[in-house]
Amino acid sequence: MPDSAPQVRFAVLPALMFAVGLGLAFYYGDAWYGLPRYTEAEIEQSVELNLALALRANPASTSTDETSRAAIRSELLAEINQEQRDAQRGLVIGVVLCAFGLLQMLMLRRMARRQLPRLH
């Protein structure tokens, strides 16, 4: 009895992986490129604004001005670095998917050439 199950073409999977990887690479590459570049003056201004807001919200705080300023600065820098790492991670994942998809397509093509009969 012949098998009536539909044949799945596995050549579509590497092409899909390549396309998704390319899309991710473009999306996260654009996101990384579009991230703002903060100057030291902008970071200090943001620290001062956040410190003023924190003191207004909690005027009876016992922490000193410098320790609060250092904590706010480290939180701000950590957030900036996290945004950059997220964009870079997405870009790398996209490039890796794109490369794996391309390599699989090339390997499938190479295997198909070896299985075809030679015409002399």
PDB file of N, CA and C in Angstrom:
ATOM      1  N   MET A   1       0.829  -1.159   0.000  1.00  0.00           N
ATOM      2  CA  MET A   1       0.000   0.000   0.000  1.00  0.00           C
ATOM      3  C   MET A   1       0.889   1.243   0.000  1.00  0.00           C
ATOM      4  N   PRO A   2       0.682   2.175  -0.924  1.00  0.00           N
ATOM      5  CA  PRO A   2       1.520   3.375  -0.962  1.00  0.00           C
ATOM      6  C   PRO A   2       1.175   4.303   0.204  1.00  0.00           C
ATOM      7  N   ASP A   3       2.184   4.950   0.653  1.00  0.00           N
ATOM      8  CA  ASP A   3       2.009   5.891   1.758  1.00  0.00           C
ATOM      9  C   ASP A   3       1.362   7.162   1.209  1.00  0.00           C
ATOM     10  N   SER A   4       0.201   7.512   1.721  1.00  0.00           N
ATOM     11  CA  SER A   4      -0.515   8.668   1.193  1.00  0.00           C
ATOM     12  C   SER A   4      -0.269   9.931   2.010  1.00  0.00           C
ATOM     13  N   ALA A   5       0.638   9.884   2.961  1.00  0.00           N
ATOM     14  CA  ALA A   5       0.944  11.077   3.748  1.00  0.00           C
ATOM     15  C   ALA A   5       1.651  12.093   2.864  1.00  0.00           C
ATOM     16  N   PRO A   6       1.353  13.342   3.046  1.00  0.00           N
ATOM     17  CA  PRO A   6       2.003  14.356   2.208  1.00  0.00           C
ATOM     18  C   PRO A   6       3.500  14.442   2.510  1.00  0.00           C
ATOM     19  N   GLN A   7       4.248  14.660   1.472  1.00  0.00           N
ATOM     20  CA  GLN A   7       5.688  14.801   1.607  1.00  0.00           C
ATOM     21  C   GLN A   7       6.020  16.222   2.069  1.00  0.00           C
ATOM     22  N   VAL A   8       6.823  16.336   3.105  1.00  0.00           N
ATOM     23  CA  VAL A   8       7.239  17.638   3.604  1.00  0.00           C
ATOM     24  C   VAL A   8       8.557  17.992   2.937  1.00  0.00           C
ATOM     25  N   ARG A   9       8.599  19.180   2.384  1.00  0.00           N
ATOM     26  CA  ARG A   9       9.833  19.637   1.757  1.00  0.00           C
ATOM     27  C   ARG A   9      10.672  20.347   2.805  1.00  0.00           C
ATOM     28  N   PHE A  10      11.749  19.696   3.203  1.00  0.00           N
ATOM     29  CA  PHE A  10      12.587  20.266   4.250  1.00  0.00           C
ATOM     30  C   PHE A  10      13.443  21.410   3.741  1.00  0.00           C
ATOM     31  N   ALA A  11      13.481  21.656   2.454  1.00  0.00           N
ATOM     32  CA  ALA A  11      14.246  22.773   1.933  1.00  0.00           C
ATOM     33  C   ALA A  11      13.595  24.107   2.308  1.00  0.00           C
ATOM     34  N   VAL A  12      12.338  24.065   2.684  1.00  0.00           N
ATOM     35  CA  VAL A  12      11.651  25.295   3.074  1.00  0.00           C
ATOM     36  C   VAL A  12      12.116  25.752   4.459  1.00  0.00           C
ATOM     37  N   LEU A  13      12.439  24.832   5.333  1.00  0.00           N
ATOM     38  CA  LEU A  13      12.847  25.188   6.689  1.00  0.00           C
ATOM     39  C   LEU A  13      14.121  26.034   6.736  1.00  0.00           C
ATOM     40  N   PRO A  14      15.175  25.681   6.004  1.00  0.00           N
ATOM     41  CA  PRO A  14      16.357  26.560   6.018  1.00  0.00           C
ATOM     42  C   PRO A  14      16.073  27.932   5.414  1.00  0.00           C
ATOM     43  N   ALA A  15      15.240  27.979   4.382  1.00  0.00           N
ATOM     44  CA  ALA A  15      14.902  29.268   3.787  1.00  0.00           C
ATOM     45  C   ALA A  15      14.112  30.121   4.773  1.00  0.00           C
ATOM     46  N   LEU A  16      13.221  29.484   5.507  1.00  0.00           N
ATOM     47  CA  LEU A  16      12.458  30.199   6.521  1.00  0.00           C
ATOM     48  C   LEU A  16      13.376  30.687   7.645  1.00  0.00           C
ATOM     49  N   MET A  17      14.317  29.842   8.055  1.00  0.00           N
ATOM     50  CA  MET A  17      15.269  30.236   9.087  1.00  0.00           C
ATOM     51  C   MET A  17      16.115  31.416   8.609  1.00  0.00           C
ATOM     52  N   PHE A  18      16.522  31.386   7.360  1.00  0.00           N
ATOM     53  CA  PHE A  18      17.305  32.482   6.788  1.00  0.00           C
ATOM     54  C   PHE A  18      16.489  33.773   6.783  1.00  0.00           C
ATOM     55  N   ALA A  19      15.228  33.682   6.363  1.00  0.00           N
ATOM     56  CA  ALA A  19      14.383  34.873   6.278  1.00  0.00           C
ATOM     57  C   ALA A  19      14.091  35.458   7.666  1.00  0.00           C
ATOM     58  N   VAL A  20      13.798  34.600   8.622  1.00  0.00           N
ATOM     59  CA  VAL A  20      13.534  35.083   9.983  1.00  0.00           C
ATOM     60  C   VAL A  20      14.804  35.694  10.573  1.00  0.00           C
ATOM     61  N   GLY A  21      15.931  35.049  10.364  1.00  0.00           N
ATOM     62  CA  GLY A  21      17.200  35.585  10.860  1.00  0.00           C
ATOM     63  C   GLY A  21      17.532  36.929  10.242  1.00  0.00           C
ATOM     64  N   LEU A  22      17.261  37.065   8.952  1.00  0.00           N
ATOM     65  CA  LEU A  22      17.517  38.331   8.275  1.00  0.00           C
ATOM     66  C   LEU A  22      16.606  39.423   8.830  1.00  0.00           C
ATOM     67  N   GLY A  23      15.343  39.080   9.055  1.00  0.00           N
ATOM     68  CA  GLY A  23      14.415  40.049   9.635  1.00  0.00           C
ATOM     69  C   GLY A  23      14.833  40.473  11.037  1.00  0.00           C
ATOM     70  N   LEU A  24      15.231  39.504  11.865  1.00  0.00           N
ATOM     71  CA  LEU A  24      15.687  39.833  13.214  1.00  0.00           C
ATOM     72  C   LEU A  24      16.951  40.686  13.183  1.00  0.00           C
ATOM     73  N   ALA A  25      17.861  40.357  12.288  1.00  0.00           N
ATOM     74  CA  ALA A  25      19.108  41.118  12.196  1.00  0.00           C
ATOM     75  C   ALA A  25      18.829  42.562  11.789  1.00  0.00           C
ATOM     76  N   PHE A  26      17.951  42.764  10.821  1.00  0.00           N
ATOM     77  CA  PHE A  26      17.616  44.131  10.417  1.00  0.00           C
ATOM     78  C   PHE A  26      16.873  44.878  11.521  1.00  0.00           C
ATOM     79  N   TYR A  27      15.931  44.216  12.169  1.00  0.00           N
ATOM     80  CA  TYR A  27      15.142  44.871  13.216  1.00  0.00           C
ATOM     81  C   TYR A  27      16.025  45.293  14.385  1.00  0.00           C
ATOM     82  N   TYR A  28      16.795  44.344  14.925  1.00  0.00           N
ATOM     83  CA  TYR A  28      17.620  44.669  16.085  1.00  0.00           C
ATOM     84  C   TYR A  28      18.839  45.511  15.710  1.00  0.00           C
ATOM     85  N   GLY A  29      19.326  45.384  14.494  1.00  0.00           N
ATOM     86  CA  GLY A  29      20.402  46.262  14.039  1.00  0.00           C
ATOM     87  C   GLY A  29      19.934  47.704  13.976  1.00  0.00           C
ATOM     88  N   ASP A  30      18.721  47.916  13.466  1.00  0.00           N
ATOM     89  CA  ASP A  30      18.154  49.261  13.424  1.00  0.00           C
ATOM     90  C   ASP A  30      17.873  49.776  14.833  1.00  0.00           C
ATOM     91  N   ALA A  31      17.398  48.898  15.715  1.00  0.00           N
ATOM     92  CA  ALA A  31      17.136  49.300  17.098  1.00  0.00           C
ATOM     93  C   ALA A  31      18.440  49.700  17.797  1.00  0.00           C
ATOM     94  N   TRP A  32      19.508  48.952  17.553  1.00  0.00           N
ATOM     95  CA  TRP A  32      20.800  49.271  18.164  1.00  0.00           C
ATOM     96  C   TRP A  32      21.357  50.576  17.603  1.00  0.00           C
ATOM     97  N   TYR A  33      21.226  50.750  16.287  1.00  0.00           N
ATOM     98  CA  TYR A  33      21.706  51.971  15.646  1.00  0.00           C
ATOM     99  C   TYR A  33      20.916  53.186  16.131  1.00  0.00           C
ATOM    100  N   GLY A  34      19.636  52.994  16.422  1.00  0.00           N
ATOM    101  CA  GLY A  34      18.775  54.084  16.836  1.00  0.00           C
ATOM    102  C   GLY A  34      18.841  54.427  18.310  1.00  0.00           C
ATOM    103  N   LEU A  35      19.584  53.646  19.090  1.00  0.00           N
ATOM    104  CA  LEU A  35      19.710  53.978  20.510  1.00  0.00           C
ATOM    105  C   LEU A  35      20.459  55.292  20.667  1.00  0.00           C
ATOM    106  N   PRO A  36      19.992  56.131  21.588  1.00  0.00           N
ATOM    107  CA  PRO A  36      20.683  57.417  21.771  1.00  0.00           C
ATOM    108  C   PRO A  36      22.053  57.232  22.402  1.00  0.00           C
ATOM    109  N   ARG A  37      22.956  58.110  22.045  1.00  0.00           N
ATOM    110  CA  ARG A  37      24.296  58.135  22.629  1.00  0.00           C
ATOM    111  C   ARG A  37      24.299  59.265  23.663  1.00  0.00           C
ATOM    112  N   TYR A  38      24.399  58.893  24.920  1.00  0.00           N
ATOM    113  CA  TYR A  38      24.322  59.872  25.988  1.00  0.00           C
ATOM    114  C   TYR A  38      25.694  60.436  26.302  1.00  0.00           C
ATOM    115  N   THR A  39      25.750  61.752  26.460  1.00  0.00           N
ATOM    116  CA  THR A  39      26.988  62.387  26.890  1.00  0.00           C
ATOM    117  C   THR A  39      27.046  62.353  28.411  1.00  0.00           C
ATOM    118  N   GLU A  40      28.220  62.650  28.932  1.00  0.00           N
ATOM    119  CA  GLU A  40      28.391  62.665  30.386  1.00  0.00           C
ATOM    120  C   GLU A  40      27.523  63.752  31.017  1.00  0.00           C
ATOM    121  N   ALA A  41      27.368  64.862  30.331  1.00  0.00           N
ATOM    122  CA  ALA A  41      26.534  65.950  30.860  1.00  0.00           C
ATOM    123  C   ALA A  41      25.063  65.530  30.917  1.00  0.00           C
ATOM    124  N   GLU A  42      24.604  64.802  29.915  1.00  0.00           N
ATOM    125  CA  GLU A  42      23.209  64.337  29.922  1.00  0.00           C
ATOM    126  C   GLU A  42      22.969  63.325  31.040  1.00  0.00           C
ATOM    127  N   ILE A  43      23.939  62.471  31.270  1.00  0.00           N
ATOM    128  CA  ILE A  43      23.808  61.487  32.346  1.00  0.00           C
ATOM    129  C   ILE A  43      23.772  62.196  33.703  1.00  0.00           C
ATOM    130  N   GLU A  44      24.656  63.179  33.897  1.00  0.00           N
ATOM    131  CA  GLU A  44      24.670  63.922  35.157  1.00  0.00           C
ATOM    132  C   GLU A  44      23.361  64.686  35.356  1.00  0.00           C
ATOM    133  N   GLN A  45      22.833  65.262  34.283  1.00  0.00           N
ATOM    134  CA  GLN A  45      21.565  65.985  34.380  1.00  0.00           C
ATOM    135  C   GLN A  45      20.432  65.033  34.771  1.00  0.00           C
ATOM    136  N   SER A  46      20.423  63.851  34.199  1.00  0.00           N
ATOM    137  CA  SER A  46      19.402  62.864  34.533  1.00  0.00           C
ATOM    138  C   SER A  46      19.542  62.408  35.983  1.00  0.00           C
ATOM    139  N   VAL A  47      20.779  62.248  36.449  1.00  0.00           N
ATOM    140  CA  VAL A  47      21.005  61.863  37.844  1.00  0.00           C
ATOM    141  C   VAL A  47      20.466  62.939  38.777  1.00  0.00           C
ATOM    142  N   GLU A  48      20.745  64.196  38.469  1.00  0.00           N
ATOM    143  CA  GLU A  48      20.268  65.289  39.316  1.00  0.00           C
ATOM    144  C   GLU A  48      18.742  65.351  39.334  1.00  0.00           C
ATOM    145  N   LEU A  49      18.111  65.176  38.181  1.00  0.00           N
ATOM    146  CA  LEU A  49      16.642  65.188  38.127  1.00  0.00           C
ATOM    147  C   LEU A  49      16.047  64.025  38.916  1.00  0.00           C
ATOM    148  N   ASN A  50      16.611  62.840  38.752  1.00  0.00           N
ATOM    149  CA  ASN A  50      16.119  61.680  39.496  1.00  0.00           C
ATOM    150  C   ASN A  50      16.346  61.842  41.000  1.00  0.00           C
ATOM    151  N   LEU A  51      17.459  62.466  41.371  1.00  0.00           N
ATOM    152  CA  LEU A  51      17.731  62.710  42.787  1.00  0.00           C
ATOM    153  C   LEU A  51      16.719  63.692  43.366  1.00  0.00           C
ATOM    154  N   ALA A  52      16.406  64.738  42.612  1.00  0.00           N
ATOM    155  CA  ALA A  52      15.407  65.708  43.077  1.00  0.00           C
ATOM    156  C   ALA A  52      14.039  65.054  43.224  1.00  0.00           C
ATOM    157  N   LEU A  53      13.681  64.209  42.291  1.00  0.00           N
ATOM    158  CA  LEU A  53      12.397  63.503  42.389  1.00  0.00           C
ATOM    159  C   LEU A  53      12.371  62.550  43.572  1.00  0.00           C
ATOM    160  N   ALA A  54      13.474  61.875  43.820  1.00  0.00           N
ATOM    161  CA  ALA A  54      13.542  60.941  44.951  1.00  0.00           C
ATOM    162  C   ALA A  54      13.452  61.688  46.276  1.00  0.00           C
ATOM    163  N   LEU A  55      14.105  62.839  46.363  1.00  0.00           N
ATOM    164  CA  LEU A  55      14.043  63.614  47.603  1.00  0.00           C
ATOM    165  C   LEU A  55      12.658  64.226  47.816  1.00  0.00           C
ATOM    166  N   ARG A  56      12.004  64.592  46.734  1.00  0.00           N
ATOM    167  CA  ARG A  56      10.653  65.133  46.847  1.00  0.00           C
ATOM    168  C   ARG A  56       9.675  64.041  47.287  1.00  0.00           C
ATOM    169  N   ALA A  57       9.864  62.827  46.780  1.00  0.00           N
ATOM    170  CA  ALA A  57       8.969  61.726  47.139  1.00  0.00           C
ATOM    171  C   ALA A  57       9.193  61.279  48.574  1.00  0.00           C
ATOM    172  N   ASN A  58      10.429  61.336  49.037  1.00  0.00           N
ATOM    173  CA  ASN A  58      10.747  60.886  50.386  1.00  0.00           C
ATOM    174  C   ASN A  58      11.664  61.917  51.053  1.00  0.00           C
ATOM    175  N   PRO A  59      11.112  62.999  51.586  1.00  0.00           N
ATOM    176  CA  PRO A  59      11.970  64.050  52.153  1.00  0.00           C
ATOM    177  C   PRO A  59      12.683  63.634  53.437  1.00  0.00           C
ATOM    178  N   ALA A  60      12.208  62.613  54.101  1.00  0.00           N
ATOM    179  CA  ALA A  60      12.829  62.182  55.361  1.00  0.00           C
ATOM    180  C   ALA A  60      13.837  61.059  55.142  1.00  0.00           C
ATOM    181  N   SER A  61      14.433  60.985  53.956  1.00  0.00           N
ATOM    182  CA  SER A  61      15.391  59.904  53.698  1.00  0.00           C
ATOM    183  C   SER A  61      16.652  60.121  54.515  1.00  0.00           C
ATOM    184  N   THR A  62      17.236  59.036  54.946  1.00  0.00           N
ATOM    185  CA  THR A  62      18.419  59.105  55.804  1.00  0.00           C
ATOM    186  C   THR A  62      19.711  58.933  55.016  1.00  0.00           C
ATOM    187  N   SER A  63      19.625  58.597  53.747  1.00  0.00           N
ATOM    188  CA  SER A  63      20.853  58.394  52.975  1.00  0.00           C
ATOM    189  C   SER A  63      21.448  59.748  52.591  1.00  0.00           C
ATOM    190  N   THR A  64      22.763  59.773  52.486  1.00  0.00           N
ATOM    191  CA  THR A  64      23.436  61.019  52.140  1.00  0.00           C
ATOM    192  C   THR A  64      23.238  61.323  50.666  1.00  0.00           C
ATOM    193  N   ASP A  65      23.526  62.556  50.339  1.00  0.00           N
ATOM    194  CA  ASP A  65      23.326  63.016  48.964  1.00  0.00           C
ATOM    195  C   ASP A  65      24.233  62.266  47.989  1.00  0.00           C
ATOM    196  N   GLU A  66      25.473  62.045  48.382  1.00  0.00           N
ATOM    197  CA  GLU A  66      26.426  61.379  47.485  1.00  0.00           C
ATOM    198  C   GLU A  66      26.099  59.891  47.298  1.00  0.00           C
ATOM    199  N   THR A  67      25.683  59.211  48.339  1.00  0.00           N
ATOM    200  CA  THR A  67      25.333  57.802  48.166  1.00  0.00           C
ATOM    201  C   THR A  67      24.087  57.649  47.309  1.00  0.00           C
ATOM    202  N   SER A  68      23.138  58.560  47.484  1.00  0.00           N
ATOM    203  CA  SER A  68      21.937  58.519  46.633  1.00  0.00           C
ATOM    204  C   SER A  68      22.308  58.797  45.192  1.00  0.00           C
ATOM    205  N   ARG A  69      23.158  59.786  44.989  1.00  0.00           N
ATOM    206  CA  ARG A  69      23.591  60.147  43.632  1.00  0.00           C
ATOM    207  C   ARG A  69      24.322  58.972  42.978  1.00  0.00           C
ATOM    208  N   ALA A  70      25.189  58.307  43.716  1.00  0.00           N
ATOM    209  CA  ALA A  70      25.933  57.164  43.164  1.00  0.00           C
ATOM    210  C   ALA A  70      25.001  55.999  42.841  1.00  0.00           C
ATOM    211  N   ALA A  71      24.015  55.763  43.706  1.00  0.00           N
ATOM    212  CA  ALA A  71      23.067  54.666  43.452  1.00  0.00           C
ATOM    213  C   ALA A  71      22.216  54.962  42.221  1.00  0.00           C
ATOM    214  N   ILE A  72      21.751  56.198  42.094  1.00  0.00           N
ATOM    215  CA  ILE A  72      20.936  56.573  40.934  1.00  0.00           C
ATOM    216  C   ILE A  72      21.762  56.488  39.660  1.00  0.00           C
ATOM    217  N   ARG A  73      23.012  56.937  39.728  1.00  0.00           N
ATOM    218  CA  ARG A  73      23.884  56.873  38.544  1.00  0.00           C
ATOM    219  C   ARG A  73      24.132  55.424  38.109  1.00  0.00           C
ATOM    220  N   SER A  74      24.370  54.543  39.072  1.00  0.00           N
ATOM    221  CA  SER A  74      24.621  53.144  38.710  1.00  0.00           C
ATOM    222  C   SER A  74      23.363  52.495  38.127  1.00  0.00           C
ATOM    223  N   GLU A  75      22.185  52.831  38.656  1.00  0.00           N
ATOM    224  CA  GLU A  75      20.942  52.303  38.093  1.00  0.00           C
ATOM    225  C   GLU A  75      20.724  52.803  36.670  1.00  0.00           C
ATOM    226  N   LEU A  76      21.004  54.087  36.452  1.00  0.00           N
ATOM    227  CA  LEU A  76      20.831  54.674  35.123  1.00  0.00           C
ATOM    228  C   LEU A  76      21.780  54.044  34.108  1.00  0.00           C
ATOM    229  N   LEU A  77      23.041  53.889  34.494  1.00  0.00           N
ATOM    230  CA  LEU A  77      24.012  53.270  33.586  1.00  0.00           C
ATOM    231  C   LEU A  77      23.679  51.806  33.321  1.00  0.00           C
ATOM    232  N   ALA A  78      23.175  51.113  34.343  1.00  0.00           N
ATOM    233  CA  ALA A  78      22.786  49.713  34.154  1.00  0.00           C
ATOM    234  C   ALA A  78      21.624  49.611  33.167  1.00  0.00           C
ATOM    235  N   GLU A  79      20.683  50.532  33.244  1.00  0.00           N
ATOM    236  CA  GLU A  79      19.552  50.518  32.317  1.00  0.00           C
ATOM    237  C   GLU A  79      20.000  50.811  30.883  1.00  0.00           C
ATOM    238  N   ILE A  80      20.906  51.763  30.721  1.00  0.00           N
ATOM    239  CA  ILE A  80      21.435  52.082  29.389  1.00  0.00           C
ATOM    240  C   ILE A  80      22.178  50.885  28.817  1.00  0.00           C
ATOM    241  N   ASN A  81      23.016  50.252  29.634  1.00  0.00           N
ATOM    242  CA  ASN A  81      23.765  49.076  29.171  1.00  0.00           C
ATOM    243  C   ASN A  81      22.845  47.909  28.842  1.00  0.00           C
ATOM    244  N   GLN A  82      21.771  47.737  29.602  1.00  0.00           N
ATOM    245  CA  GLN A  82      20.817  46.655  29.340  1.00  0.00           C
ATOM    246  C   GLN A  82      20.130  46.849  27.985  1.00  0.00           C
ATOM    247  N   GLU A  83      19.756  48.087  27.664  1.00  0.00           N
ATOM    248  CA  GLU A  83      19.147  48.354  26.354  1.00  0.00           C
ATOM    249  C   GLU A  83      20.104  48.006  25.226  1.00  0.00           C
ATOM    250  N   GLN A  84      21.365  48.372  25.395  1.00  0.00           N
ATOM    251  CA  GLN A  84      22.363  48.063  24.363  1.00  0.00           C
ATOM    252  C   GLN A  84      22.590  46.565  24.247  1.00  0.00           C
ATOM    253  N   ARG A  85      22.672  45.866  25.375  1.00  0.00           N
ATOM    254  CA  ARG A  85      22.885  44.411  25.338  1.00  0.00           C
ATOM    255  C   ARG A  85      21.702  43.695  24.695  1.00  0.00           C
ATOM    256  N   ASP A  86      20.477  44.145  24.980  1.00  0.00           N
ATOM    257  CA  ASP A  86      19.300  43.512  24.381  1.00  0.00           C
ATOM    258  C   ASP A  86      19.316  43.659  22.862  1.00  0.00           C
ATOM    259  N   ALA A  87      19.645  44.854  22.380  1.00  0.00           N
ATOM    260  CA  ALA A  87      19.703  45.069  20.939  1.00  0.00           C
ATOM    261  C   ALA A  87      20.826  44.251  20.311  1.00  0.00           C
ATOM    262  N   GLN A  88      21.977  44.201  20.952  1.00  0.00           N
ATOM    263  CA  GLN A  88      23.103  43.424  20.428  1.00  0.00           C
ATOM    264  C   GLN A  88      22.793  41.936  20.424  1.00  0.00           C
ATOM    265  N   ARG A  89      22.122  41.452  21.476  1.00  0.00           N
ATOM    266  CA  ARG A  89      21.774  40.036  21.562  1.00  0.00           C
ATOM    267  C   ARG A  89      20.816  39.656  20.430  1.00  0.00           C
ATOM    268  N   GLY A  90      19.816  40.489  20.187  1.00  0.00           N
ATOM    269  CA  GLY A  90      18.884  40.223  19.092  1.00  0.00           C
ATOM    270  C   GLY A  90      19.578  40.232  17.741  1.00  0.00           C
ATOM    271  N   LEU A  91      20.502  41.151  17.557  1.00  0.00           N
ATOM    272  CA  LEU A  91      21.260  41.218  16.304  1.00  0.00           C
ATOM    273  C   LEU A  91      22.088  39.956  16.099  1.00  0.00           C
ATOM    274  N   VAL A  92      22.759  39.510  17.136  1.00  0.00           N
ATOM    275  CA  VAL A  92      23.592  38.306  17.033  1.00  0.00           C
ATOM    276  C   VAL A  92      22.733  37.074  16.752  1.00  0.00           C
ATOM    277  N   ILE A  93      21.596  36.961  17.422  1.00  0.00           N
ATOM    278  CA  ILE A  93      20.698  35.826  17.173  1.00  0.00           C
ATOM    279  C   ILE A  93      20.223  35.841  15.726  1.00  0.00           C
ATOM    280  N   GLY A  94      19.875  37.013  15.217  1.00  0.00           N
ATOM    281  CA  GLY A  94      19.449  37.115  13.823  1.00  0.00           C
ATOM    282  C   GLY A  94      20.536  36.718  12.846  1.00  0.00           C
ATOM    283  N   VAL A  95      21.753  37.160  13.086  1.00  0.00           N
ATOM    284  CA  VAL A  95      22.865  36.823  12.192  1.00  0.00           C
ATOM    285  C   VAL A  95      23.163  35.325  12.245  1.00  0.00           C
ATOM    286  N   VAL A  96      23.108  34.742  13.441  1.00  0.00           N
ATOM    287  CA  VAL A  96      23.366  33.306  13.577  1.00  0.00           C
ATOM    288  C   VAL A  96      22.284  32.498  12.861  1.00  0.00           C
ATOM    289  N   LEU A  97      21.022  32.878  13.037  1.00  0.00           N
ATOM    290  CA  LEU A  97      19.939  32.183  12.326  1.00  0.00           C
ATOM    291  C   LEU A  97      20.115  32.298  10.818  1.00  0.00           C
ATOM    292  N   CYS A  98      20.481  33.484  10.381  1.00  0.00           N
ATOM    293  CA  CYS A  98      20.697  33.710   8.952  1.00  0.00           C
ATOM    294  C   CYS A  98      21.834  32.812   8.430  1.00  0.00           C
ATOM    295  N   ALA A  99      22.908  32.741   9.177  1.00  0.00           N
ATOM    296  CA  ALA A  99      24.047  31.915   8.755  1.00  0.00           C
ATOM    297  C   ALA A  99      23.690  30.434   8.762  1.00  0.00           C
ATOM    298  N   PHE A 100      22.999  29.961   9.812  1.00  0.00           N
ATOM    299  CA  PHE A 100      22.602  28.551   9.857  1.00  0.00           C
ATOM    300  C   PHE A 100      21.658  28.210   8.714  1.00  0.00           C
ATOM    301  N   GLY A 101      20.711  29.081   8.437  1.00  0.00           N
ATOM    302  CA  GLY A 101      19.786  28.841   7.329  1.00  0.00           C
ATOM    303  C   GLY A 101      20.514  28.769   6.001  1.00  0.00           C
ATOM    304  N   LEU A 102      21.444  29.687   5.788  1.00  0.00           N
ATOM    305  CA  LEU A 102      22.215  29.690   4.547  1.00  0.00           C
ATOM    306  C   LEU A 102      23.081  28.438   4.428  1.00  0.00           C
ATOM    307  N   LEU A 103      23.721  28.046   5.525  1.00  0.00           N
ATOM    308  CA  LEU A 103      24.549  26.838   5.499  1.00  0.00           C
ATOM    309  C   LEU A 103      23.712  25.590   5.235  1.00  0.00           C
ATOM    310  N   GLN A 104      22.537  25.510   5.830  1.00  0.00           N
ATOM    311  CA  GLN A 104      21.668  24.356   5.581  1.00  0.00           C
ATOM    312  C   GLN A 104      21.196  24.321   4.134  1.00  0.00           C
ATOM    313  N   MET A 105      20.865  25.490   3.569  1.00  0.00           N
ATOM    314  CA  MET A 105      20.471  25.515   2.159  1.00  0.00           C
ATOM    315  C   MET A 105      21.603  25.043   1.260  1.00  0.00           C
ATOM    316  N   LEU A 106      22.825  25.495   1.568  1.00  0.00           N
ATOM    317  CA  LEU A 106      23.972  25.066   0.761  1.00  0.00           C
ATOM    318  C   LEU A 106      24.235  23.571   0.908  1.00  0.00           C
ATOM    319  N   MET A 107      24.093  23.044   2.116  1.00  0.00           N
ATOM    320  CA  MET A 107      24.307  21.611   2.320  1.00  0.00           C
ATOM    321  C   MET A 107      23.233  20.780   1.617  1.00  0.00           C
ATOM    322  N   LEU A 108      21.978  21.224   1.668  1.00  0.00           N
ATOM    323  CA  LEU A 108      20.915  20.503   0.962  1.00  0.00           C
ATOM    324  C   LEU A 108      21.150  20.530  -0.546  1.00  0.00           C
ATOM    325  N   ARG A 109      21.608  21.654  -1.045  1.00  0.00           N
ATOM    326  CA  ARG A 109      21.897  21.747  -2.487  1.00  0.00           C
ATOM    327  C   ARG A 109      23.053  20.830  -2.864  1.00  0.00           C
ATOM    328  N   ARG A 110      24.061  20.793  -2.014  1.00  0.00           N
ATOM    329  CA  ARG A 110      25.216  19.927  -2.286  1.00  0.00           C
ATOM    330  C   ARG A 110      24.812  18.453  -2.249  1.00  0.00           C
ATOM    331  N   MET A 111      23.967  18.090  -1.268  1.00  0.00           N
ATOM    332  CA  MET A 111      23.509  16.706  -1.176  1.00  0.00           C
ATOM    333  C   MET A 111      22.627  16.347  -2.372  1.00  0.00           C
ATOM    334  N   ALA A 112      21.814  17.282  -2.840  1.00  0.00           N
ATOM    335  CA  ALA A 112      20.952  17.017  -3.986  1.00  0.00           C
ATOM    336  C   ALA A 112      21.780  16.812  -5.249  1.00  0.00           C
ATOM    337  N   ARG A 113      22.863  17.535  -5.394  1.00  0.00           N
ATOM    338  CA  ARG A 113      23.725  17.367  -6.572  1.00  0.00           C
ATOM    339  C   ARG A 113      24.371  15.992  -6.586  1.00  0.00           C
ATOM    340  N   ARG A 114      24.746  15.501  -5.443  1.00  0.00           N
ATOM    341  CA  ARG A 114      25.385  14.182  -5.386  1.00  0.00           C
ATOM    342  C   ARG A 114      24.418  13.054  -5.677  1.00  0.00           C
ATOM    343  N   GLN A 115      23.138  13.249  -5.426  1.00  0.00           N
ATOM    344  CA  GLN A 115      22.151  12.197  -5.629  1.00  0.00           C
ATOM    345  C   GLN A 115      21.593  12.178  -7.045  1.00  0.00           C
ATOM    346  N   LEU A 116      21.774  13.241  -7.805  1.00  0.00           N
ATOM    347  CA  LEU A 116      21.261  13.279  -9.176  1.00  0.00           C
ATOM    348  C   LEU A 116      22.151  12.431 -10.091  1.00  0.00           C
ATOM    349  N   PRO A 117      21.543  11.734 -11.058  1.00  0.00           N
ATOM    350  CA  PRO A 117      22.345  10.955 -11.984  1.00  0.00           C
ATOM    351  C   PRO A 117      23.122  11.895 -12.906  1.00  0.00           C
ATOM    352  N   ARG A 118      24.301  11.458 -13.271  1.00  0.00           N
ATOM    353  CA  ARG A 118      25.154  12.252 -14.153  1.00  0.00           C
ATOM    354  C   ARG A 118      24.802  11.994 -15.607  1.00  0.00           C
ATOM    355  N   LEU A 119      24.738  13.034 -16.378  1.00  0.00           N
ATOM    356  CA  LEU A 119      24.479  12.922 -17.801  1.00  0.00           C
ATOM    357  C   LEU A 119      25.811  13.078 -18.543  1.00  0.00           C
ATOM    358  N   HIS A 120      26.144  12.047 -19.343  1.00  0.00           N
ATOM    359  CA  HIS A 120      27.416  12.101 -20.095  1.00  0.00           C
ATOM    360  C   HIS A 120      27.123  12.203 -21.561  1.00  0.00           C
TER     361      HIS A 120
END
